[in-house]
Amino acid sequence: MVTLMNEFASRVERGQSVEVSVVDGDLLIDGGTVGATGGTVEVRGSVVVRHKGVVKGNLKAEDVRGDGTLTIEGDLEVGDVRLEDGASLEVDGNLAAESLDVPRTLRIKGTSRVQDVSVGGEADFVGDVEAEDIHVGGTLRAEGKIVGEDISVGGTFEAKEVKCNDVKVGGTLNVGRIEVEDVKVGGTMTVTVEAAIGDLNVGGTVRLEKGELEDVKVGGTMESVGLVKFADLDVGGRLRLGSGEGESVRVGGVLEVQRDLFLKDELSVGGEARVNGKLEVESVDVGGDLSSQEVHARDSIRVGRSITTNKGARADDVSISRHGRATGPIVGKRVRIESGSVVEDVYADELRLGGSSVAMNVYASQVDVGDDCQVDGKLQYTGEIKIGRNVRFSSQPEKVSSLPGPPL
């Protein structure tokens, strides 16, 4: 066993190899190799690294600093690590530290417990990580679980599991599981297992297996395979969901839902909306075509082109724009079919059938039929009826004491 004294107990230079157990003071590694007598080198001071240094075994020190790359072939227990001028740090075992500042590359093969991590280039963690703050300028990879407070990555962030308060990624985020309060991604986010996120803001694309989210804003497209629960979901381009439950959805382009979509508030889609299962909302506003097995809106349905259902669409207020089309029954308190539209059966308290429109069967309390309309089936009403010019009926309108019940 060798115990080294003085300010620099030893200058381990390039090509040299020194066996060390305890250093009372600072240790300078200037391109050489330090062997650990008894398995551990204990430095009761600083480790100063120049050029490239290697420690064969565990290293315990107050701090590590310098402009050289350091490789630890064991565990590292240290207060602070401050490397400069493009230096890197590699630890084959476990890491325990107060803070790390590495300008180039950090690689930890064991578990890591550290308060603050700052890496200019790439950071690779093979084992689990516990940290307060992690800042990486380039790429952060974690094969295990990361638990912390704030994570900021300039380029790509890949991890098996992440649990923290805040994640900011300039480029791409790829994770298995994620549980985070606030996530901001400039490019693409992919979650292959499950997500639990408060506020999510992604500039490009989101791909989820399933998850629970709060407020979501996506500039491009969002896709999920399973159920996604959320508060407010705002997607600029295309939204594809396996199924969804939440407060409101706003989509600038196209909405596709493989199964059911249940909303407490509004669905607003600029283009086409396709829900293969059941759609339940407060209100629906679709600029293009809307299709679903059935639509239940507590307030209103407004469609720019067409609505297609198997079981029907129901709301207090239903509006079909000019030259629109409705396939499947329409049920509402107030139904307004704009001119030039084609619809099937209508059940309403008040119906306005715009000029040159065609309907199959009409069952309403109050009916206003515009000029040049056509009713191919029955027209039954209980209150008042107004009929325009050149209206064609397959059978004469019939005033009845009660109307047949709607299909939904």
Protein backbone atom coordinates (compact mmCIF):
# COMPACT_ATOMS: atom_id res chain seq x y z
CA MET A 1 0.00 0.00 0.00
CA VAL A 2 1.28 3.47 -0.92
CA THR A 3 0.20 6.62 0.92
CA LEU A 4 1.17 9.77 -1.04
CA MET A 5 1.70 13.19 0.51
CA ASN A 6 2.40 16.77 -0.68
CA GLU A 7 0.33 19.19 -2.82
CA PHE A 8 0.38 16.75 -5.72
CA ALA A 9 1.11 13.47 -4.06
CA SER A 10 2.17 12.07 -7.40
CA ARG A 11 2.43 13.21 -10.96
CA VAL A 12 1.21 10.12 -12.78
CA GLU A 13 2.37 10.95 -16.28
CA ARG A 14 1.64 9.45 -19.65
CA GLY A 15 2.67 5.83 -19.82
CA GLN A 16 3.13 5.56 -16.04
CA SER A 17 1.14 3.27 -13.75
CA VAL A 18 1.08 3.84 -9.99
CA GLU A 19 -0.62 1.75 -7.29
CA VAL A 20 -2.37 3.99 -4.75
CA SER A 21 -4.54 3.45 -1.70
CA VAL A 22 -4.89 6.81 0.12
CA VAL A 23 -3.81 10.28 -0.97
CA ASP A 24 -3.63 12.99 1.71
CA GLY A 25 -4.01 16.02 -0.54
CA ASP A 26 -4.50 16.43 -4.26
CA LEU A 27 -3.76 13.82 -6.91
CA LEU A 28 -2.60 14.84 -10.41
CA ILE A 29 -3.21 12.34 -13.20
CA ASP A 30 -1.32 13.64 -16.23
CA GLY A 31 -2.04 10.97 -18.82
CA GLY A 32 -1.18 8.01 -16.60
CA THR A 33 -2.94 5.11 -14.90
CA VAL A 34 -3.70 4.79 -11.20
CA GLY A 35 -4.18 1.33 -9.77
CA ALA A 36 -6.36 0.90 -6.68
CA THR A 37 -4.65 -1.02 -3.92
CA GLY A 38 -7.40 -2.85 -2.10
CA GLY A 39 -9.91 -1.92 -4.81
CA THR A 40 -10.39 1.78 -3.93
CA VAL A 41 -8.36 4.95 -4.30
CA GLU A 42 -9.29 7.50 -1.61
CA VAL A 43 -8.17 11.05 -2.34
CA ARG A 44 -8.51 13.44 0.60
CA GLY A 45 -8.51 16.40 -1.74
CA SER A 46 -8.91 17.00 -5.48
CA VAL A 47 -8.19 14.80 -8.44
CA VAL A 48 -6.73 16.93 -11.23
CA VAL A 49 -6.82 15.37 -14.70
CA ARG A 50 -4.73 16.38 -17.69
CA HIS A 51 -4.68 14.62 -21.02
CA LYS A 52 -6.22 11.16 -20.43
CA GLY A 53 -6.35 9.48 -17.04
CA VAL A 54 -7.44 6.02 -15.94
CA VAL A 55 -8.29 4.72 -12.47
CA LYS A 56 -8.35 0.91 -12.28
CA GLY A 57 -10.83 0.45 -9.44
CA ASN A 58 -13.07 2.66 -7.35
CA LEU A 59 -12.33 6.35 -6.78
CA LYS A 60 -13.42 8.42 -3.80
CA ALA A 61 -12.48 12.12 -3.81
CA GLU A 62 -13.61 15.57 -2.73
CA ASP A 63 -13.75 16.75 -6.35
CA VAL A 64 -12.46 16.06 -9.85
CA ARG A 65 -11.31 18.85 -12.14
CA GLY A 66 -9.08 19.54 -15.10
CA ASP A 67 -9.02 19.49 -18.90
CA GLY A 68 -8.38 15.78 -19.43
CA THR A 69 -10.65 12.79 -20.02
CA LEU A 70 -11.05 10.45 -17.05
CA THR A 71 -12.06 6.77 -17.07
CA ILE A 72 -13.00 5.05 -13.81
CA GLU A 73 -12.97 1.25 -14.01
CA GLY A 74 -15.17 0.99 -10.93
CA ASP A 75 -17.38 3.28 -8.81
CA LEU A 76 -16.97 7.04 -8.45
CA GLU A 77 -17.90 8.81 -5.21
CA VAL A 78 -17.17 12.52 -5.43
CA GLY A 79 -18.38 15.95 -4.43
CA ASP A 80 -18.10 17.90 -7.68
CA VAL A 81 -16.78 17.10 -11.16
CA ARG A 82 -15.64 20.10 -13.23
CA LEU A 83 -13.95 19.20 -16.51
CA GLU A 84 -12.97 21.64 -19.26
CA ASP A 85 -11.81 21.92 -22.89
CA GLY A 86 -13.69 19.03 -24.46
CA ALA A 87 -12.94 16.48 -21.74
CA SER A 88 -15.13 13.42 -21.07
CA LEU A 89 -15.94 11.20 -18.09
CA GLU A 90 -16.60 7.45 -18.15
CA VAL A 91 -17.54 5.39 -15.09
CA ASP A 92 -17.80 1.61 -15.40
CA GLY A 93 -19.55 1.27 -12.04
CA ASN A 94 -21.89 3.42 -9.95
CA LEU A 95 -21.81 7.19 -9.57
CA ALA A 96 -22.51 9.25 -6.44
CA ALA A 97 -21.86 13.00 -6.76
CA GLU A 98 -23.09 16.45 -5.88
CA SER A 99 -22.65 17.90 -9.36
CA LEU A 100 -21.17 17.05 -12.76
CA ASP A 101 -19.98 19.49 -15.42
CA VAL A 102 -18.63 17.60 -18.44
CA PRO A 103 -18.05 19.49 -21.71
CA ARG A 104 -18.06 16.54 -24.08
CA THR A 105 -19.27 13.00 -23.22
CA LEU A 106 -20.53 11.37 -20.02
CA ARG A 107 -20.97 7.59 -19.78
CA ILE A 108 -22.13 5.87 -16.59
CA LYS A 109 -22.59 2.09 -16.74
CA GLY A 110 -23.96 1.64 -13.22
CA THR A 111 -26.53 3.56 -11.21
CA SER A 112 -26.22 7.33 -10.75
CA ARG A 113 -27.13 9.56 -7.81
CA VAL A 114 -26.30 13.19 -8.44
CA GLN A 115 -27.90 16.56 -7.81
CA ASP A 116 -26.89 18.54 -10.90
CA VAL A 117 -25.68 17.23 -14.26
CA SER A 118 -24.44 19.43 -17.11
CA VAL A 119 -23.06 17.83 -20.27
CA GLY A 120 -22.15 19.69 -23.43
CA GLY A 121 -22.30 16.75 -25.81
CA GLU A 122 -23.70 13.27 -25.09
CA ALA A 123 -24.74 11.61 -21.83
CA ASP A 124 -25.28 7.83 -21.63
CA PHE A 125 -26.68 6.17 -18.51
CA VAL A 126 -26.95 2.38 -18.48
CA GLY A 127 -28.36 2.08 -14.95
CA ASP A 128 -31.06 4.03 -13.13
CA VAL A 129 -30.57 7.74 -12.46
CA GLU A 130 -31.62 9.96 -9.56
CA ALA A 131 -30.88 13.65 -10.17
CA GLU A 132 -32.27 17.06 -9.42
CA ASP A 133 -31.37 18.84 -12.66
CA ILE A 134 -30.00 17.37 -15.90
CA HIS A 135 -28.88 19.61 -18.78
CA VAL A 136 -27.47 18.02 -21.94
CA GLY A 137 -26.59 19.98 -25.03
CA GLY A 138 -26.71 17.07 -27.46
CA THR A 139 -28.10 13.58 -26.76
CA LEU A 140 -29.25 12.00 -23.52
CA ARG A 141 -29.72 8.20 -23.41
CA ALA A 142 -30.92 6.27 -20.38
CA GLU A 143 -31.43 2.52 -20.56
CA GLY A 144 -33.01 2.51 -17.10
CA LYS A 145 -35.26 4.89 -15.15
CA ILE A 146 -34.59 8.60 -14.61
CA VAL A 147 -36.11 10.24 -11.52
CA GLY A 148 -35.55 13.95 -10.97
CA GLU A 149 -36.84 17.50 -11.12
CA ASP A 150 -35.85 19.19 -14.38
CA ILE A 151 -34.41 17.68 -17.58
CA SER A 152 -33.29 19.81 -20.51
CA VAL A 153 -31.88 18.30 -23.71
CA GLY A 154 -30.90 20.25 -26.79
CA GLY A 155 -31.08 17.35 -29.24
CA THR A 156 -32.41 13.82 -28.60
CA PHE A 157 -33.62 12.28 -25.34
CA GLU A 158 -34.11 8.50 -25.16
CA ALA A 159 -35.08 6.66 -21.97
CA LYS A 160 -36.82 3.54 -20.73
CA GLU A 161 -38.73 5.46 -18.03
CA VAL A 162 -38.84 9.10 -16.91
CA LYS A 163 -40.39 10.58 -13.77
CA CYS A 164 -39.82 14.25 -13.03
CA ASN A 165 -41.43 17.70 -12.97
CA ASP A 166 -40.22 19.31 -16.17
CA VAL A 167 -38.80 18.03 -19.48
CA LYS A 168 -37.61 20.25 -22.33
CA VAL A 169 -36.25 18.70 -25.53
CA GLY A 170 -35.21 20.66 -28.59
CA GLY A 171 -35.38 17.73 -30.99
CA THR A 172 -36.74 14.23 -30.34
CA LEU A 173 -38.06 12.52 -27.21
CA ASN A 174 -38.36 8.70 -27.22
CA VAL A 175 -39.46 7.02 -23.97
CA GLY A 176 -41.16 3.87 -22.77
CA ARG A 177 -43.00 5.30 -19.75
CA ILE A 178 -43.17 8.96 -18.77
CA GLU A 179 -44.67 10.69 -15.73
CA VAL A 180 -43.98 14.43 -15.95
CA GLU A 181 -45.83 17.62 -15.01
CA ASP A 182 -44.66 19.74 -17.97
CA VAL A 183 -43.21 18.53 -21.31
CA LYS A 184 -42.02 20.72 -24.19
CA VAL A 185 -40.60 19.10 -27.35
CA GLY A 186 -39.55 20.98 -30.45
CA GLY A 187 -39.74 18.01 -32.81
CA THR A 188 -41.17 14.52 -32.23
CA MET A 189 -42.28 12.69 -29.09
CA THR A 190 -42.82 8.90 -28.97
CA VAL A 191 -44.11 7.00 -25.92
CA THR A 192 -44.13 3.25 -26.45
CA VAL A 193 -45.76 2.11 -23.17
CA GLU A 194 -47.71 4.76 -21.24
CA ALA A 195 -47.74 8.52 -20.58
CA ALA A 196 -48.92 10.55 -17.58
CA ILE A 197 -48.31 14.21 -18.44
CA GLY A 198 -49.69 17.50 -17.19
CA ASP A 199 -49.00 20.15 -19.84
CA LEU A 200 -47.68 18.86 -23.19
CA ASN A 201 -46.44 21.13 -25.97
CA VAL A 202 -44.93 19.53 -29.08
CA GLY A 203 -44.02 21.38 -32.24
CA GLY A 204 -44.07 18.36 -34.54
CA THR A 205 -45.46 14.85 -34.01
CA VAL A 206 -46.68 12.87 -30.99
CA ARG A 207 -47.03 9.07 -30.97
CA LEU A 208 -48.51 7.39 -27.89
CA GLU A 209 -49.48 3.88 -26.95
CA LYS A 210 -51.89 5.20 -24.28
CA GLY A 211 -51.90 7.72 -21.46
CA GLU A 212 -53.45 10.41 -19.29
CA LEU A 213 -52.74 14.03 -20.21
CA GLU A 214 -53.96 17.46 -19.13
CA ASP A 215 -53.52 20.35 -21.56
CA VAL A 216 -52.04 19.27 -24.89
CA LYS A 217 -50.91 21.39 -27.82
CA VAL A 218 -49.36 19.75 -30.90
CA GLY A 219 -48.35 21.70 -33.97
CA GLY A 220 -48.32 18.75 -36.38
CA THR A 221 -49.87 15.32 -35.89
CA MET A 222 -50.77 13.17 -32.89
CA GLU A 223 -51.40 9.40 -32.89
CA SER A 224 -52.38 6.90 -30.21
CA VAL A 225 -53.15 3.18 -30.25
CA GLY A 226 -55.01 2.81 -26.95
CA LEU A 227 -57.13 5.03 -24.72
CA VAL A 228 -56.00 8.61 -24.13
CA LYS A 229 -57.57 10.64 -21.32
CA PHE A 230 -57.07 14.40 -21.37
CA ALA A 231 -58.42 17.83 -20.49
CA ASP A 232 -57.92 20.04 -23.57
CA LEU A 233 -56.41 18.63 -26.76
CA ASP A 234 -55.32 21.04 -29.53
CA VAL A 235 -53.72 19.58 -32.69
CA GLY A 236 -52.82 21.72 -35.67
CA GLY A 237 -52.78 18.93 -38.25
CA ARG A 238 -54.09 15.36 -37.98
CA LEU A 239 -55.27 13.59 -34.81
CA ARG A 240 -55.59 9.79 -34.68
CA LEU A 241 -56.80 8.16 -31.46
CA GLY A 242 -57.56 4.61 -30.48
CA SER A 243 -60.22 6.01 -28.15
CA GLY A 244 -60.49 9.20 -26.13
CA GLU A 245 -62.04 10.74 -23.01
CA GLY A 246 -61.65 14.39 -22.09
CA GLU A 247 -62.92 17.94 -21.95
CA SER A 248 -62.44 19.35 -25.45
CA VAL A 249 -60.71 18.63 -28.77
CA ARG A 250 -59.65 21.12 -31.45
CA VAL A 251 -58.13 19.82 -34.68
CA GLY A 252 -57.07 21.98 -37.59
CA GLY A 253 -57.06 19.13 -40.12
CA VAL A 254 -58.47 15.61 -39.81
CA LEU A 255 -59.70 13.64 -36.80
CA GLU A 256 -59.75 9.82 -36.80
CA VAL A 257 -60.91 7.73 -33.80
CA GLN A 258 -60.87 3.94 -34.04
CA ARG A 259 -63.37 3.41 -31.24
CA ASP A 260 -65.33 5.83 -29.00
CA LEU A 261 -64.77 9.51 -28.20
CA PHE A 262 -66.39 11.04 -25.09
CA LEU A 263 -66.04 14.79 -24.42
CA LYS A 264 -67.55 16.98 -21.71
CA ASP A 265 -67.23 20.07 -23.87
CA GLU A 266 -66.52 20.93 -27.51
CA LEU A 267 -65.27 19.06 -30.57
CA SER A 268 -64.01 21.41 -33.29
CA VAL A 269 -62.48 20.05 -36.50
CA GLY A 270 -61.46 22.12 -39.48
CA GLY A 271 -61.56 19.27 -41.97
CA GLU A 272 -62.96 15.75 -41.70
CA ALA A 273 -63.93 13.88 -38.50
CA ARG A 274 -64.28 10.09 -38.46
CA VAL A 275 -65.26 8.26 -35.26
CA ASN A 276 -65.72 4.55 -35.81
CA GLY A 277 -67.54 4.09 -32.51
CA LYS A 278 -69.77 6.40 -30.49
CA LEU A 279 -69.31 10.17 -30.24
CA GLU A 280 -70.62 11.97 -27.13
CA VAL A 281 -69.93 15.71 -26.74
CA GLU A 282 -71.38 19.01 -25.61
CA SER A 283 -71.14 20.48 -29.10
CA VAL A 284 -69.70 19.51 -32.50
CA ASP A 285 -68.42 21.88 -35.17
CA VAL A 286 -66.92 20.17 -38.23
CA GLY A 287 -65.88 22.09 -41.32
CA GLY A 288 -66.01 19.07 -43.64
CA ASP A 289 -67.50 15.60 -43.23
CA LEU A 290 -68.51 13.97 -39.94
CA SER A 291 -69.02 10.21 -39.66
CA SER A 292 -69.72 8.02 -36.62
CA GLN A 293 -71.80 5.08 -35.48
CA GLU A 294 -73.89 7.57 -33.52
CA VAL A 295 -73.52 11.17 -32.37
CA HIS A 296 -74.91 12.53 -29.09
CA ALA A 297 -74.37 16.26 -28.56
CA ARG A 298 -75.98 17.92 -25.57
CA ASP A 299 -75.94 21.34 -27.22
CA SER A 300 -75.32 21.55 -30.96
CA ILE A 301 -74.09 19.86 -34.14
CA ARG A 302 -72.81 21.96 -37.03
CA VAL A 303 -71.45 20.31 -40.16
CA GLY A 304 -69.94 22.01 -43.20
CA ARG A 305 -70.48 19.23 -45.74
CA SER A 306 -71.98 15.94 -44.59
CA ILE A 307 -72.85 13.81 -41.58
CA THR A 308 -72.98 10.02 -41.82
CA THR A 309 -74.18 7.76 -39.00
CA ASN A 310 -75.58 4.26 -38.62
CA LYS A 311 -77.81 4.97 -35.61
CA GLY A 312 -78.28 8.71 -35.95
CA ALA A 313 -77.18 12.12 -34.66
CA ARG A 314 -78.90 13.98 -31.82
CA ALA A 315 -78.54 17.48 -30.36
CA ASP A 316 -80.63 20.45 -29.25
CA ASP A 317 -79.51 22.34 -32.36
CA VAL A 318 -78.51 20.63 -35.61
CA SER A 319 -77.27 22.59 -38.63
CA ILE A 320 -76.35 21.23 -42.06
CA SER A 321 -74.66 23.77 -44.36
CA ARG A 322 -75.65 24.49 -47.97
CA HIS A 323 -75.43 21.54 -50.33
CA GLY A 324 -74.77 19.29 -47.36
CA ARG A 325 -75.75 15.68 -46.91
CA ALA A 326 -77.00 13.62 -43.94
CA THR A 327 -77.01 9.84 -43.98
CA GLY A 328 -78.79 8.39 -40.97
CA PRO A 329 -81.51 9.92 -38.76
CA ILE A 330 -81.24 13.47 -37.40
CA VAL A 331 -82.87 14.22 -34.05
CA GLY A 332 -83.04 17.70 -32.51
CA LYS A 333 -85.11 20.38 -30.89
CA ARG A 334 -84.15 22.83 -33.63
CA VAL A 335 -82.95 21.44 -36.97
CA ARG A 336 -81.84 23.71 -39.80
CA ILE A 337 -81.08 22.19 -43.21
CA GLU A 338 -79.58 24.78 -45.53
CA SER A 339 -80.55 25.00 -49.20
CA GLY A 340 -79.58 22.33 -51.69
CA SER A 341 -79.01 19.64 -49.06
CA VAL A 342 -80.00 15.96 -49.06
CA VAL A 343 -81.02 14.29 -45.78
CA GLU A 344 -82.75 11.15 -44.63
CA ASP A 345 -85.19 10.99 -41.67
CA VAL A 346 -85.57 14.06 -39.47
CA TYR A 347 -87.13 14.19 -35.98
CA ALA A 348 -87.45 17.75 -34.63
CA ASP A 349 -89.44 20.18 -32.54
CA GLU A 350 -88.69 22.86 -35.13
CA LEU A 351 -87.48 22.11 -38.67
CA ARG A 352 -86.34 24.54 -41.35
CA LEU A 353 -85.79 22.75 -44.67
CA GLY A 354 -83.95 25.14 -46.98
CA GLY A 355 -84.84 25.63 -50.64
CA SER A 356 -84.13 22.86 -53.15
CA SER A 357 -83.41 20.36 -50.37
CA VAL A 358 -84.49 16.72 -50.30
CA ALA A 359 -85.63 14.76 -47.23
CA MET A 360 -86.88 11.23 -46.70
CA ASN A 361 -89.28 11.22 -43.70
CA VAL A 362 -90.04 14.27 -41.58
CA TYR A 363 -91.54 14.15 -38.08
CA ALA A 364 -91.71 17.59 -36.47
CA SER A 365 -93.90 19.86 -34.37
CA GLN A 366 -93.23 23.00 -36.43
CA VAL A 367 -92.20 22.67 -40.09
CA ASP A 368 -90.96 25.26 -42.59
CA VAL A 369 -90.35 23.79 -46.06
CA GLY A 370 -88.59 26.06 -48.56
CA ASP A 371 -89.20 26.47 -52.28
CA ASP A 372 -88.46 23.58 -54.66
CA CYS A 373 -87.97 21.04 -51.86
CA GLN A 374 -88.81 17.37 -52.06
CA VAL A 375 -90.03 14.96 -49.35
CA ASP A 376 -89.78 11.35 -50.53
CA GLY A 377 -91.48 9.72 -47.53
CA LYS A 378 -93.90 10.87 -44.83
CA LEU A 379 -94.25 14.38 -43.44
CA GLN A 380 -96.05 14.38 -40.08
CA TYR A 381 -96.42 17.42 -37.81
CA THR A 382 -98.36 18.41 -34.70
CA GLY A 383 -98.27 22.22 -34.81
CA GLU A 384 -97.89 24.55 -37.78
CA ILE A 385 -96.51 24.02 -41.26
CA LYS A 386 -95.24 26.45 -43.90
CA ILE A 387 -94.77 25.19 -47.45
CA GLY A 388 -92.96 27.10 -50.18
CA ARG A 389 -93.51 27.01 -53.93
CA ASN A 390 -93.00 23.95 -56.11
CA VAL A 391 -92.60 21.54 -53.20
CA ARG A 392 -92.98 17.87 -54.11
CA PHE A 393 -94.42 15.33 -51.66
CA SER A 394 -94.69 11.59 -52.18
CA SER A 395 -97.70 11.75 -49.84
CA GLN A 396 -99.56 14.75 -48.48
CA PRO A 397 -98.37 16.25 -45.18
CA GLU A 398 -100.35 14.86 -42.25
CA LYS A 399 -101.18 16.66 -39.02
CA VAL A 400 -101.19 14.18 -36.14
CA SER A 401 -101.78 14.30 -32.41
CA SER A 402 -98.44 12.68 -31.60
CA LEU A 403 -95.26 11.88 -33.47
CA PRO A 404 -93.32 8.60 -33.55
CA GLY A 405 -90.38 8.39 -31.17
CA PRO A 406 -86.87 9.00 -32.55
CA PRO A 407 -84.47 6.08 -32.93
CA LEU A 408 -82.05 7.51 -30.33
